[in-house]
Amino acid sequence: MKPLFFTLGLSLSLLMGGCAVSPQSIVLSPQAALSGPAYGQGRALAITIEDRRSSSVLGSRGGIYEASSVITISNDITSALLVAAQGAATQLGFDGSSTSAPATLTLILEQLSYDTQSNNLIHTVSIDAKITLVTTVGGSSHTGHYQTQRSHKFPSLPEAQKNQEIISEALSTSLERGFSDISLANFLAQN
């Protein structure tokens, strides 16, 4: 009888321990891989980044201590976005060699959220990445909103490396949508 209680107690403690989820701090490195035309045509483009998220916490990883099992970004997200935006601008032909009026671009991080739902031992992770690009030339401006929503299913909650990958991918997709926007290209061509 003692071995049965021991096994039952051990199983119960492992099950309870498996429900506790540790917080994670991840490094994000979004990158925009663009294949469209180089509509920058050598124009100078000054880029600034604004983080308008209401919280530095992306969301919860779930578990029984959901309020403390949060996921946060350990690197400076504005610096990471600036590097990505400058890389995208270079791919599109912006470099300052043209005599065209210089343009300014403000990239606003509106939302970056992470949510976990668990059902029948399957964990669904939902990511929402929303940015706004405000481009100005002289007295004219163009504003575009770009959002990416992704859901991933896992048999166990993802480790930090996987979360870094899937969150960076969603943010990268929003960047690619913004810099590939034909209305932005048309605005710059006309101003």
Protein backbone atom coordinates (compact mmCIF):
# COMPACT_ATOMS: atom_id res chain seq x y z
CA MET A 1 0.00 0.00 0.00
CA LYS A 2 2.88 2.38 0.77
CA PRO A 3 4.33 2.11 -2.77
CA LEU A 4 0.90 3.01 -4.17
CA PHE A 5 0.63 6.14 -2.00
CA PHE A 6 4.23 7.07 -2.82
CA THR A 7 3.60 6.71 -6.56
CA LEU A 8 0.33 8.62 -6.29
CA GLY A 9 1.97 11.40 -4.26
CA LEU A 10 4.90 11.63 -6.68
CA SER A 11 2.56 11.76 -9.68
CA LEU A 12 0.46 14.47 -8.04
CA SER A 13 3.51 16.60 -7.21
CA LEU A 14 4.84 16.25 -10.76
CA LEU A 15 1.45 17.21 -12.16
CA MET A 16 1.20 20.27 -9.90
CA GLY A 17 4.78 21.25 -10.69
CA GLY A 18 4.06 20.96 -14.39
CA CYS A 19 1.32 23.56 -14.05
CA ALA A 20 3.69 26.23 -12.72
CA VAL A 21 5.22 28.26 -15.53
CA SER A 22 8.27 30.47 -15.18
CA PRO A 23 8.39 34.02 -16.53
CA GLN A 24 10.50 34.61 -19.64
CA SER A 25 12.56 37.54 -20.84
CA ILE A 26 13.34 37.34 -24.55
CA VAL A 27 15.46 39.19 -27.11
CA LEU A 28 13.59 40.36 -30.21
CA SER A 29 15.34 40.98 -33.50
CA PRO A 30 12.79 41.73 -36.22
CA GLN A 31 14.02 41.95 -39.81
CA ALA A 32 12.19 42.97 -42.95
CA ALA A 33 13.07 40.97 -46.07
CA LEU A 34 11.70 42.95 -49.01
CA SER A 35 11.53 41.94 -52.64
CA GLY A 36 9.63 44.85 -54.18
CA PRO A 37 10.94 47.74 -56.29
CA ALA A 38 13.51 50.15 -54.83
CA TYR A 39 11.11 53.09 -54.74
CA GLY A 40 13.42 55.14 -52.48
CA GLN A 41 15.46 56.22 -55.53
CA GLY A 42 18.32 57.54 -53.39
CA ARG A 43 16.13 59.85 -51.30
CA ALA A 44 17.20 60.65 -47.73
CA LEU A 45 14.89 59.13 -45.10
CA ALA A 46 15.15 60.02 -41.41
CA ILE A 47 13.61 57.30 -39.23
CA THR A 48 12.36 57.61 -35.65
CA ILE A 49 10.73 54.96 -33.48
CA GLU A 50 8.00 55.37 -30.86
CA ASP A 51 6.84 52.64 -28.49
CA ARG A 52 3.23 53.39 -27.57
CA ARG A 53 2.40 50.09 -25.92
CA SER A 54 0.56 50.49 -22.63
CA SER A 55 2.75 47.88 -20.90
CA SER A 56 6.22 46.41 -21.29
CA VAL A 57 4.72 42.98 -20.54
CA LEU A 58 3.76 41.11 -23.73
CA GLY A 59 1.39 38.76 -21.94
CA SER A 60 1.22 35.62 -19.86
CA ARG A 61 2.63 32.18 -20.57
CA GLY A 62 -0.28 30.65 -18.66
CA GLY A 63 -0.17 28.07 -15.89
CA ILE A 64 -1.62 28.23 -12.40
CA TYR A 65 0.35 31.39 -11.55
CA GLU A 66 -0.70 33.18 -14.72
CA ALA A 67 -0.23 36.68 -13.27
CA SER A 68 3.47 36.06 -12.58
CA SER A 69 4.35 33.88 -15.58
CA VAL A 70 4.76 36.89 -17.85
CA ILE A 71 6.82 37.28 -20.98
CA THR A 72 8.85 40.48 -21.45
CA ILE A 73 11.47 41.85 -23.83
CA SER A 74 15.00 42.08 -22.45
CA ASN A 75 16.55 44.19 -25.23
CA ASP A 76 15.63 47.76 -26.25
CA ILE A 77 12.75 47.21 -28.68
CA THR A 78 13.03 50.73 -30.13
CA SER A 79 16.68 50.12 -31.06
CA ALA A 80 15.80 46.73 -32.58
CA LEU A 81 13.00 48.31 -34.63
CA LEU A 82 15.28 51.15 -35.76
CA VAL A 83 17.85 48.66 -37.08
CA ALA A 84 15.09 46.73 -38.88
CA ALA A 85 13.54 49.89 -40.37
CA GLN A 86 16.92 51.21 -41.53
CA GLY A 87 17.63 47.85 -43.16
CA ALA A 88 14.25 47.94 -44.91
CA ALA A 89 14.88 51.52 -46.10
CA THR A 90 18.26 50.52 -47.53
CA GLN A 91 16.67 47.58 -49.38
CA LEU A 92 14.15 50.01 -50.88
CA GLY A 93 16.84 52.35 -52.19
CA PHE A 94 16.88 55.13 -49.57
CA ASP A 95 20.41 56.46 -49.04
CA GLY A 96 20.52 60.26 -49.25
CA SER A 97 22.24 60.51 -52.65
CA SER A 98 19.24 62.06 -54.42
CA THR A 99 18.34 65.75 -54.68
CA SER A 100 14.70 64.89 -53.92
CA ALA A 101 13.26 66.46 -50.79
CA PRO A 102 14.20 64.36 -47.78
CA ALA A 103 11.46 62.36 -46.09
CA THR A 104 10.87 61.49 -42.45
CA LEU A 105 9.32 58.25 -41.26
CA THR A 106 8.01 57.60 -37.77
CA LEU A 107 7.48 53.93 -36.94
CA ILE A 108 5.06 53.55 -34.04
CA LEU A 109 4.80 50.24 -32.19
CA GLU A 110 1.10 50.27 -31.28
CA GLN A 111 0.75 46.74 -29.95
CA LEU A 112 2.78 43.61 -29.35
CA SER A 113 0.87 41.03 -27.35
CA TYR A 114 1.19 37.36 -26.43
CA ASP A 115 -1.61 35.16 -25.15
CA THR A 116 -1.71 31.50 -24.19
CA GLN A 117 -4.81 29.29 -24.05
CA SER A 118 -4.56 25.65 -22.98
CA ASN A 119 -7.10 22.99 -23.86
CA ASN A 120 -6.71 19.21 -23.66
CA LEU A 121 -2.91 19.45 -23.27
CA ILE A 122 -2.61 21.61 -26.42
CA HIS A 123 -1.32 25.14 -25.89
CA THR A 124 -2.37 27.79 -28.40
CA VAL A 125 -0.13 30.85 -28.44
CA SER A 126 -1.60 33.94 -30.12
CA ILE A 127 0.57 36.90 -31.11
CA ASP A 128 -0.62 40.31 -32.28
CA ALA A 129 1.86 42.84 -33.72
CA LYS A 130 0.57 46.22 -34.88
CA ILE A 131 2.64 49.13 -36.18
CA THR A 132 1.87 52.48 -37.78
CA LEU A 133 4.13 54.21 -40.30
CA VAL A 134 3.79 57.99 -40.62
CA THR A 135 5.80 59.35 -43.55
CA THR A 136 6.20 63.07 -44.16
CA VAL A 137 7.65 65.01 -47.11
CA GLY A 138 7.39 68.79 -46.88
CA GLY A 139 3.85 69.52 -45.73
CA SER A 140 2.33 66.24 -46.94
CA SER A 141 2.06 63.02 -44.97
CA HIS A 142 1.00 59.41 -45.40
CA THR A 143 -0.17 57.15 -42.56
CA GLY A 144 -0.47 53.37 -42.79
CA HIS A 145 -1.47 50.79 -40.17
CA TYR A 146 -0.10 47.24 -40.45
CA GLN A 147 -1.12 44.34 -38.24
CA THR A 148 -0.09 40.71 -38.07
CA GLN A 149 -1.92 38.11 -36.01
CA ARG A 150 -0.53 34.61 -35.63
CA SER A 151 -1.60 31.50 -33.72
CA HIS A 152 0.68 28.54 -33.01
CA LYS A 153 -0.23 25.23 -31.37
CA PHE A 154 2.25 23.39 -29.13
CA PRO A 155 2.11 20.17 -27.10
CA SER A 156 4.05 21.98 -24.35
CA LEU A 157 4.58 25.67 -23.66
CA PRO A 158 7.38 27.03 -25.87
CA GLU A 159 10.82 27.80 -24.49
CA ALA A 160 12.31 31.30 -24.72
CA GLN A 161 14.12 30.59 -28.00
CA LYS A 162 10.90 29.53 -29.73
CA ASN A 163 9.01 32.53 -28.34
CA GLN A 164 11.75 34.85 -29.59
CA GLU A 165 11.39 33.29 -33.04
CA ILE A 166 7.60 33.45 -33.35
CA ILE A 167 7.23 36.95 -31.87
CA SER A 168 10.07 38.36 -34.01
CA GLU A 169 8.45 36.73 -37.07
CA ALA A 170 5.08 38.42 -36.41
CA LEU A 171 6.75 41.80 -35.91
CA SER A 172 8.87 41.28 -39.04
CA THR A 173 5.75 40.53 -41.09
CA SER A 174 4.13 43.80 -39.97
CA LEU A 175 7.31 45.68 -40.96
CA GLU A 176 7.37 43.97 -44.36
CA ARG A 177 3.72 44.87 -44.96
CA GLY A 178 4.39 48.49 -44.08
CA PHE A 179 7.49 48.99 -46.19
CA SER A 180 5.93 47.07 -49.11
CA ASP A 181 2.76 49.17 -49.08
CA ILE A 182 2.16 50.42 -52.63
CA SER A 183 0.32 53.49 -51.32
CA LEU A 184 3.48 54.51 -49.42
CA ALA A 185 5.54 54.07 -52.60
CA ASN A 186 3.03 56.15 -54.58
CA PHE A 187 3.02 58.88 -51.91
CA LEU A 188 6.81 59.18 -52.02
CA ALA A 189 6.83 59.16 -55.84
CA GLN A 190 4.38 62.08 -55.93
CA ASN A 191 6.08 64.23 -53.24
